[in-house]
């Protein structure tokens, strides 16, 4: 229901923008499309990886590895996976939602997302330069 509200709001605001200035609206839409084209390859790769991971690992396995009852080992595994995974921030939160729906624990997902955003083991050499 919220999605419908926000899509409707965006459409109404787009129409208002078009009425106010067609030229500026067209420029903004072109810039938005270019940004979407730049993000799309990363997004598709991440969605493919997450889809394959969810196809291979069912809810029971995810629950066992990083579920609520996995304890400190699940937290450490989530931190390790988050540290070595390269996922853009705009994909991290939907991925976290999918993992939560599949049985992962809140603490484990919080650690995963936190390390994902802050620790970049793979990108460390680039960040050092």
N, C-alpha and C. Protein backbone atom coordinates (compact mmCIF):
# COMPACT_ATOMS: atom_id res chain seq x y z
N UNK A 1 0.82 -1.19 0.00
CA UNK A 1 0.00 0.00 0.00
C UNK A 1 0.87 1.26 0.00
N UNK A 2 1.96 1.23 0.77
CA UNK A 2 2.86 2.39 0.79
C UNK A 2 3.48 2.62 -0.58
N UNK A 3 3.82 1.54 -1.26
CA UNK A 3 4.41 1.66 -2.59
C UNK A 3 3.48 2.38 -3.55
N UNK A 4 2.22 2.03 -3.52
CA UNK A 4 1.24 2.69 -4.39
C UNK A 4 1.16 4.18 -4.09
N UNK A 5 1.18 4.52 -2.81
CA UNK A 5 1.14 5.93 -2.41
C UNK A 5 2.35 6.69 -2.96
N UNK A 6 3.54 6.13 -2.80
CA UNK A 6 4.75 6.82 -3.24
C UNK A 6 4.86 6.89 -4.76
N UNK A 7 4.43 5.85 -5.46
CA UNK A 7 4.43 5.92 -6.93
C UNK A 7 3.45 6.98 -7.41
N UNK A 8 2.30 7.05 -6.79
CA UNK A 8 1.31 8.07 -7.16
C UNK A 8 1.85 9.46 -6.88
N UNK A 9 2.47 9.64 -5.71
CA UNK A 9 3.06 10.93 -5.36
C UNK A 9 4.14 11.32 -6.36
N UNK A 10 4.99 10.39 -6.73
CA UNK A 10 6.06 10.67 -7.70
C UNK A 10 5.47 11.06 -9.05
N UNK A 11 4.43 10.38 -9.47
CA UNK A 11 3.79 10.69 -10.75
C UNK A 11 3.16 12.08 -10.71
N UNK A 12 2.48 12.41 -9.63
CA UNK A 12 1.86 13.74 -9.50
C UNK A 12 2.93 14.82 -9.52
N UNK A 13 4.02 14.61 -8.77
CA UNK A 13 5.09 15.60 -8.75
C UNK A 13 5.79 15.71 -10.11
N UNK A 14 5.89 14.62 -10.84
CA UNK A 14 6.45 14.67 -12.19
C UNK A 14 5.56 15.50 -13.11
N UNK A 15 4.27 15.32 -13.00
CA UNK A 15 3.33 16.10 -13.81
C UNK A 15 3.42 17.59 -13.46
N UNK A 16 3.52 17.89 -12.16
CA UNK A 16 3.68 19.29 -11.73
C UNK A 16 4.96 19.87 -12.31
N UNK A 17 6.04 19.08 -12.27
CA UNK A 17 7.32 19.53 -12.82
C UNK A 17 7.21 19.77 -14.32
N UNK A 18 6.53 18.88 -15.02
CA UNK A 18 6.34 19.05 -16.46
C UNK A 18 5.56 20.32 -16.77
N UNK A 19 4.54 20.60 -15.98
CA UNK A 19 3.73 21.80 -16.20
C UNK A 19 4.57 23.05 -15.95
N UNK A 20 5.41 22.99 -14.91
CA UNK A 20 6.22 24.15 -14.55
C UNK A 20 7.33 24.41 -15.58
N UNK A 21 8.04 23.36 -16.00
CA UNK A 21 9.12 23.53 -16.98
C UNK A 21 9.41 22.20 -17.68
N UNK A 22 8.95 22.09 -18.90
CA UNK A 22 9.17 20.86 -19.66
C UNK A 22 10.65 20.62 -19.94
N UNK A 23 11.35 21.69 -20.23
CA UNK A 23 12.77 21.57 -20.58
C UNK A 23 13.58 21.02 -19.39
N UNK A 24 13.41 21.62 -18.21
CA UNK A 24 14.15 21.17 -17.03
C UNK A 24 13.75 19.75 -16.63
N UNK A 25 12.48 19.42 -16.78
CA UNK A 25 12.01 18.07 -16.44
C UNK A 25 12.64 17.03 -17.37
N UNK A 26 12.71 17.35 -18.66
CA UNK A 26 13.34 16.42 -19.60
C UNK A 26 14.82 16.23 -19.29
N UNK A 27 15.50 17.32 -18.94
CA UNK A 27 16.91 17.22 -18.57
C UNK A 27 17.07 16.35 -17.33
N UNK A 28 16.22 16.57 -16.34
CA UNK A 28 16.29 15.78 -15.10
C UNK A 28 16.01 14.30 -15.37
N UNK A 29 15.04 14.02 -16.22
CA UNK A 29 14.73 12.62 -16.56
C UNK A 29 15.88 11.96 -17.30
N UNK A 30 16.55 12.71 -18.19
CA UNK A 30 17.72 12.15 -18.88
C UNK A 30 18.84 11.83 -17.88
N UNK A 31 19.09 12.75 -16.93
CA UNK A 31 20.12 12.51 -15.92
C UNK A 31 19.76 11.31 -15.05
N UNK A 32 18.50 11.20 -14.69
CA UNK A 32 18.05 10.07 -13.88
C UNK A 32 18.23 8.76 -14.65
N UNK A 33 17.91 8.76 -15.94
CA UNK A 33 18.06 7.56 -16.75
C UNK A 33 19.54 7.17 -16.86
N UNK A 34 20.44 8.16 -17.04
CA UNK A 34 21.87 7.88 -17.11
C UNK A 34 22.37 7.27 -15.79
N UNK A 35 21.91 7.83 -14.67
CA UNK A 35 22.29 7.29 -13.36
C UNK A 35 21.80 5.85 -13.22
N UNK A 36 20.58 5.59 -13.67
CA UNK A 36 20.02 4.24 -13.62
C UNK A 36 20.83 3.28 -14.49
N UNK A 37 21.23 3.74 -15.68
CA UNK A 37 22.05 2.90 -16.56
C UNK A 37 23.40 2.58 -15.93
N UNK A 38 23.96 3.52 -15.18
CA UNK A 38 25.25 3.28 -14.52
C UNK A 38 25.12 2.29 -13.37
N UNK A 39 24.00 2.31 -12.70
CA UNK A 39 23.77 1.44 -11.53
C UNK A 39 23.32 0.05 -11.95
N UNK A 40 22.64 -0.05 -13.07
CA UNK A 40 22.00 -1.29 -13.50
C UNK A 40 22.93 -2.51 -13.56
N UNK A 41 24.13 -2.42 -14.13
CA UNK A 41 24.98 -3.63 -14.17
C UNK A 41 25.31 -4.16 -12.78
N UNK A 42 25.67 -3.28 -11.86
CA UNK A 42 25.96 -3.72 -10.49
C UNK A 42 24.73 -4.34 -9.86
N UNK A 43 23.61 -3.70 -10.04
CA UNK A 43 22.37 -4.19 -9.45
C UNK A 43 22.02 -5.57 -9.97
N UNK A 44 22.14 -5.77 -11.26
CA UNK A 44 21.81 -7.08 -11.85
C UNK A 44 22.74 -8.17 -11.35
N UNK A 45 24.03 -7.86 -11.23
CA UNK A 45 24.99 -8.85 -10.74
C UNK A 45 24.66 -9.24 -9.30
N UNK A 46 24.39 -8.25 -8.47
CA UNK A 46 24.08 -8.52 -7.07
C UNK A 46 22.78 -9.32 -6.97
N UNK A 47 21.77 -8.93 -7.75
CA UNK A 47 20.51 -9.68 -7.71
C UNK A 47 20.71 -11.12 -8.18
N UNK A 48 21.57 -11.31 -9.15
CA UNK A 48 21.87 -12.66 -9.63
C UNK A 48 22.56 -13.47 -8.53
N UNK A 49 23.53 -12.86 -7.87
CA UNK A 49 24.25 -13.56 -6.80
C UNK A 49 23.31 -13.90 -5.65
N UNK A 50 22.51 -12.92 -5.25
CA UNK A 50 21.56 -13.17 -4.14
C UNK A 50 20.54 -14.23 -4.55
N UNK A 51 20.05 -14.17 -5.78
CA UNK A 51 19.10 -15.16 -6.25
C UNK A 51 19.68 -16.56 -6.25
N UNK A 52 20.91 -16.69 -6.75
CA UNK A 52 21.57 -17.99 -6.75
C UNK A 52 21.82 -18.48 -5.32
N UNK A 53 22.23 -17.54 -4.45
CA UNK A 53 22.48 -17.91 -3.06
C UNK A 53 21.20 -18.42 -2.40
N UNK A 54 20.09 -17.73 -2.65
CA UNK A 54 18.83 -18.15 -2.05
C UNK A 54 18.31 -19.45 -2.66
N UNK A 55 18.68 -19.69 -3.93
CA UNK A 55 18.27 -20.95 -4.56
C UNK A 55 19.06 -22.13 -3.99
N UNK A 56 20.33 -21.91 -3.71
CA UNK A 56 21.19 -22.96 -3.19
C UNK A 56 20.96 -23.14 -1.69
N UNK A 57 20.90 -22.02 -0.97
CA UNK A 57 20.72 -22.08 0.48
C UNK A 57 19.25 -21.83 0.80
N UNK A 58 18.59 -22.84 1.31
CA UNK A 58 17.19 -22.64 1.67
C UNK A 58 17.09 -21.94 3.02
N UNK A 59 15.89 -21.64 3.44
CA UNK A 59 15.66 -20.90 4.69
C UNK A 59 16.25 -21.61 5.90
N UNK A 60 16.19 -22.92 5.92
CA UNK A 60 16.72 -23.67 7.07
C UNK A 60 18.23 -23.50 7.19
N UNK A 61 18.93 -23.52 6.07
CA UNK A 61 20.38 -23.38 6.09
C UNK A 61 20.76 -21.96 6.51
N UNK A 62 20.07 -20.95 5.96
CA UNK A 62 20.34 -19.57 6.32
C UNK A 62 20.08 -19.37 7.81
N UNK A 63 18.99 -19.94 8.31
CA UNK A 63 18.67 -19.84 9.74
C UNK A 63 19.75 -20.48 10.59
N UNK A 64 20.27 -21.60 10.12
CA UNK A 64 21.30 -22.30 10.89
C UNK A 64 22.60 -21.51 10.91
N UNK A 65 22.97 -20.91 9.77
CA UNK A 65 24.25 -20.20 9.67
C UNK A 65 24.20 -18.83 10.35
N UNK A 66 23.19 -18.01 10.01
CA UNK A 66 23.13 -16.66 10.58
C UNK A 66 21.75 -16.36 11.18
N UNK A 67 21.10 -17.38 11.67
CA UNK A 67 19.79 -17.20 12.29
C UNK A 67 19.88 -16.68 13.71
N UNK A 68 18.73 -16.46 14.32
CA UNK A 68 18.68 -15.95 15.70
C UNK A 68 19.40 -16.86 16.68
N UNK A 69 19.32 -18.15 16.45
CA UNK A 69 19.91 -19.12 17.38
C UNK A 69 21.36 -19.47 17.05
N UNK A 70 21.95 -18.80 16.07
CA UNK A 70 23.33 -19.13 15.69
C UNK A 70 24.35 -18.56 16.66
N UNK A 71 23.92 -17.62 17.49
CA UNK A 71 24.78 -17.09 18.54
C UNK A 71 25.96 -16.30 18.03
N UNK A 72 27.02 -16.35 18.79
CA UNK A 72 28.22 -15.56 18.48
C UNK A 72 28.87 -16.02 17.18
N UNK A 73 28.76 -17.31 16.87
CA UNK A 73 29.34 -17.81 15.62
C UNK A 73 28.62 -17.20 14.41
N UNK A 74 27.31 -17.08 14.50
CA UNK A 74 26.55 -16.45 13.43
C UNK A 74 26.91 -14.98 13.27
N UNK A 75 27.15 -14.32 14.39
CA UNK A 75 27.54 -12.91 14.34
C UNK A 75 28.91 -12.75 13.70
N UNK A 76 29.84 -13.61 14.08
CA UNK A 76 31.19 -13.56 13.50
C UNK A 76 31.14 -13.87 12.01
N UNK A 77 30.36 -14.89 11.62
CA UNK A 77 30.24 -15.22 10.19
C UNK A 77 29.63 -14.06 9.41
N UNK A 78 28.61 -13.42 9.98
CA UNK A 78 27.99 -12.27 9.31
C UNK A 78 29.00 -11.14 9.16
N UNK A 79 29.83 -10.93 10.18
CA UNK A 79 30.86 -9.88 10.11
C UNK A 79 31.90 -10.21 9.04
N UNK A 80 32.30 -11.47 8.97
CA UNK A 80 33.29 -11.87 7.96
C UNK A 80 32.71 -11.71 6.56
N UNK A 81 31.49 -12.20 6.34
CA UNK A 81 30.85 -12.07 5.02
C UNK A 81 30.67 -10.60 4.65
N UNK A 82 30.27 -9.78 5.62
CA UNK A 82 30.08 -8.36 5.36
C UNK A 82 31.39 -7.65 5.03
N UNK A 83 32.46 -8.09 5.66
CA UNK A 83 33.77 -7.45 5.45
C UNK A 83 34.35 -7.76 4.07
N UNK A 84 34.09 -8.95 3.56
CA UNK A 84 34.70 -9.33 2.28
C UNK A 84 33.77 -9.15 1.09
N UNK A 85 32.52 -8.82 1.34
CA UNK A 85 31.55 -8.68 0.26
C UNK A 85 31.56 -7.26 -0.27
N UNK A 86 31.52 -7.13 -1.57
CA UNK A 86 31.44 -5.81 -2.19
C UNK A 86 30.02 -5.63 -2.74
N UNK A 87 29.17 -5.00 -1.96
CA UNK A 87 27.80 -4.73 -2.38
C UNK A 87 27.56 -3.23 -2.22
N UNK A 88 27.07 -2.58 -3.25
CA UNK A 88 26.76 -1.16 -3.12
C UNK A 88 25.68 -0.93 -2.06
N UNK A 89 25.70 0.21 -1.39
CA UNK A 89 24.73 0.47 -0.32
C UNK A 89 23.27 0.37 -0.75
N UNK A 90 22.97 0.77 -1.99
CA UNK A 90 21.57 0.73 -2.42
C UNK A 90 21.06 -0.69 -2.62
N UNK A 91 21.95 -1.66 -2.62
CA UNK A 91 21.55 -3.06 -2.74
C UNK A 91 21.62 -3.77 -1.39
N UNK A 92 22.42 -3.23 -0.47
CA UNK A 92 22.64 -3.90 0.82
C UNK A 92 21.35 -4.05 1.62
N UNK A 93 20.55 -3.00 1.67
CA UNK A 93 19.35 -3.06 2.50
C UNK A 93 18.28 -4.00 1.94
N UNK A 94 18.01 -3.99 0.63
CA UNK A 94 17.09 -5.01 0.11
C UNK A 94 17.61 -6.44 0.31
N UNK A 95 18.93 -6.60 0.18
CA UNK A 95 19.52 -7.92 0.42
C UNK A 95 19.31 -8.34 1.87
N UNK A 96 19.50 -7.39 2.78
CA UNK A 96 19.27 -7.68 4.21
C UNK A 96 17.82 -8.06 4.45
N UNK A 97 16.89 -7.39 3.78
CA UNK A 97 15.47 -7.73 3.94
C UNK A 97 15.18 -9.14 3.45
N UNK A 98 15.78 -9.52 2.33
CA UNK A 98 15.58 -10.87 1.81
C UNK A 98 16.15 -11.90 2.78
N UNK A 99 17.32 -11.62 3.33
CA UNK A 99 17.93 -12.55 4.29
C UNK A 99 17.09 -12.65 5.56
N UNK A 100 16.54 -11.53 6.01
CA UNK A 100 15.66 -11.58 7.19
C UNK A 100 14.43 -12.43 6.91
N UNK A 101 13.84 -12.26 5.74
CA UNK A 101 12.67 -13.06 5.36
C UNK A 101 13.01 -14.54 5.26
N UNK A 102 14.29 -14.83 4.99
CA UNK A 102 14.72 -16.22 4.84
C UNK A 102 15.15 -16.85 6.16
N UNK A 103 15.06 -16.11 7.25
CA UNK A 103 15.34 -16.70 8.55
C UNK A 103 16.58 -16.19 9.26
N UNK A 104 17.26 -15.20 8.70
CA UNK A 104 18.43 -14.65 9.38
C UNK A 104 17.99 -13.84 10.60
N UNK A 105 18.88 -13.71 11.58
CA UNK A 105 18.58 -12.97 12.80
C UNK A 105 18.84 -11.48 12.63
N UNK A 106 18.16 -10.68 13.43
CA UNK A 106 18.31 -9.23 13.35
C UNK A 106 19.72 -8.78 13.71
N UNK A 107 20.27 -9.33 14.76
CA UNK A 107 21.62 -8.95 15.18
C UNK A 107 22.63 -9.31 14.10
N UNK A 108 22.50 -10.49 13.55
CA UNK A 108 23.42 -10.94 12.52
C UNK A 108 23.34 -10.05 11.28
N UNK A 109 22.13 -9.68 10.89
CA UNK A 109 21.97 -8.80 9.72
C UNK A 109 22.49 -7.40 10.02
N UNK A 110 22.28 -6.92 11.24
CA UNK A 110 22.82 -5.61 11.61
C UNK A 110 24.35 -5.60 11.52
N UNK A 111 24.97 -6.68 11.99
CA UNK A 111 26.43 -6.79 11.90
C UNK A 111 26.86 -6.90 10.45
N UNK A 112 26.15 -7.69 9.66
CA UNK A 112 26.47 -7.86 8.24
C UNK A 112 26.42 -6.53 7.51
N UNK A 113 25.35 -5.78 7.67
CA UNK A 113 25.20 -4.50 6.98
C UNK A 113 26.23 -3.49 7.49
N UNK A 114 26.47 -3.47 8.80
CA UNK A 114 27.45 -2.53 9.36
C UNK A 114 28.85 -2.78 8.81
N UNK A 115 29.27 -4.04 8.80
CA UNK A 115 30.60 -4.34 8.27
C UNK A 115 30.65 -4.15 6.77
N UNK A 116 29.54 -4.38 6.11
CA UNK A 116 29.46 -4.18 4.67
C UNK A 116 29.72 -2.72 4.32
N UNK A 117 29.17 -1.81 5.13
CA UNK A 117 29.31 -0.38 4.85
C UNK A 117 30.65 0.18 5.33
N UNK A 118 31.21 -0.37 6.39
CA UNK A 118 32.38 0.25 7.00
C UNK A 118 33.70 -0.45 6.68
N UNK A 119 33.71 -1.75 6.62
CA UNK A 119 34.96 -2.51 6.47
C UNK A 119 35.04 -2.99 5.03
N UNK A 120 36.12 -2.66 4.36
CA UNK A 120 36.30 -3.10 2.99
C UNK A 120 37.59 -3.86 2.81
N UNK A 121 37.59 -5.13 3.17
CA UNK A 121 38.81 -5.94 3.07
C UNK A 121 39.26 -6.02 1.62
N UNK A 122 38.34 -6.23 0.72
CA UNK A 122 38.69 -6.36 -0.70
C UNK A 122 39.10 -5.00 -1.27
N UNK A 123 38.42 -3.93 -0.84
CA UNK A 123 38.72 -2.60 -1.37
C UNK A 123 39.79 -1.86 -0.56
N UNK A 124 40.35 -2.49 0.45
CA UNK A 124 41.33 -1.83 1.31
C UNK A 124 42.54 -1.28 0.55
N UNK A 125 43.15 -2.02 -0.38
CA UNK A 125 44.29 -1.45 -1.11
C UNK A 125 43.91 -0.17 -1.87
N UNK A 126 42.73 -0.15 -2.44
CA UNK A 126 42.25 1.03 -3.16
C UNK A 126 42.03 2.19 -2.20
N UNK A 127 41.46 1.89 -1.03
CA UNK A 127 41.19 2.93 -0.04
C UNK A 127 42.49 3.48 0.55
N UNK A 128 43.51 2.65 0.69
CA UNK A 128 44.79 3.10 1.23
C UNK A 128 45.44 4.10 0.28
N UNK A 129 45.37 3.85 -1.03
CA UNK A 129 45.93 4.77 -2.02
C UNK A 129 45.18 6.08 -2.00
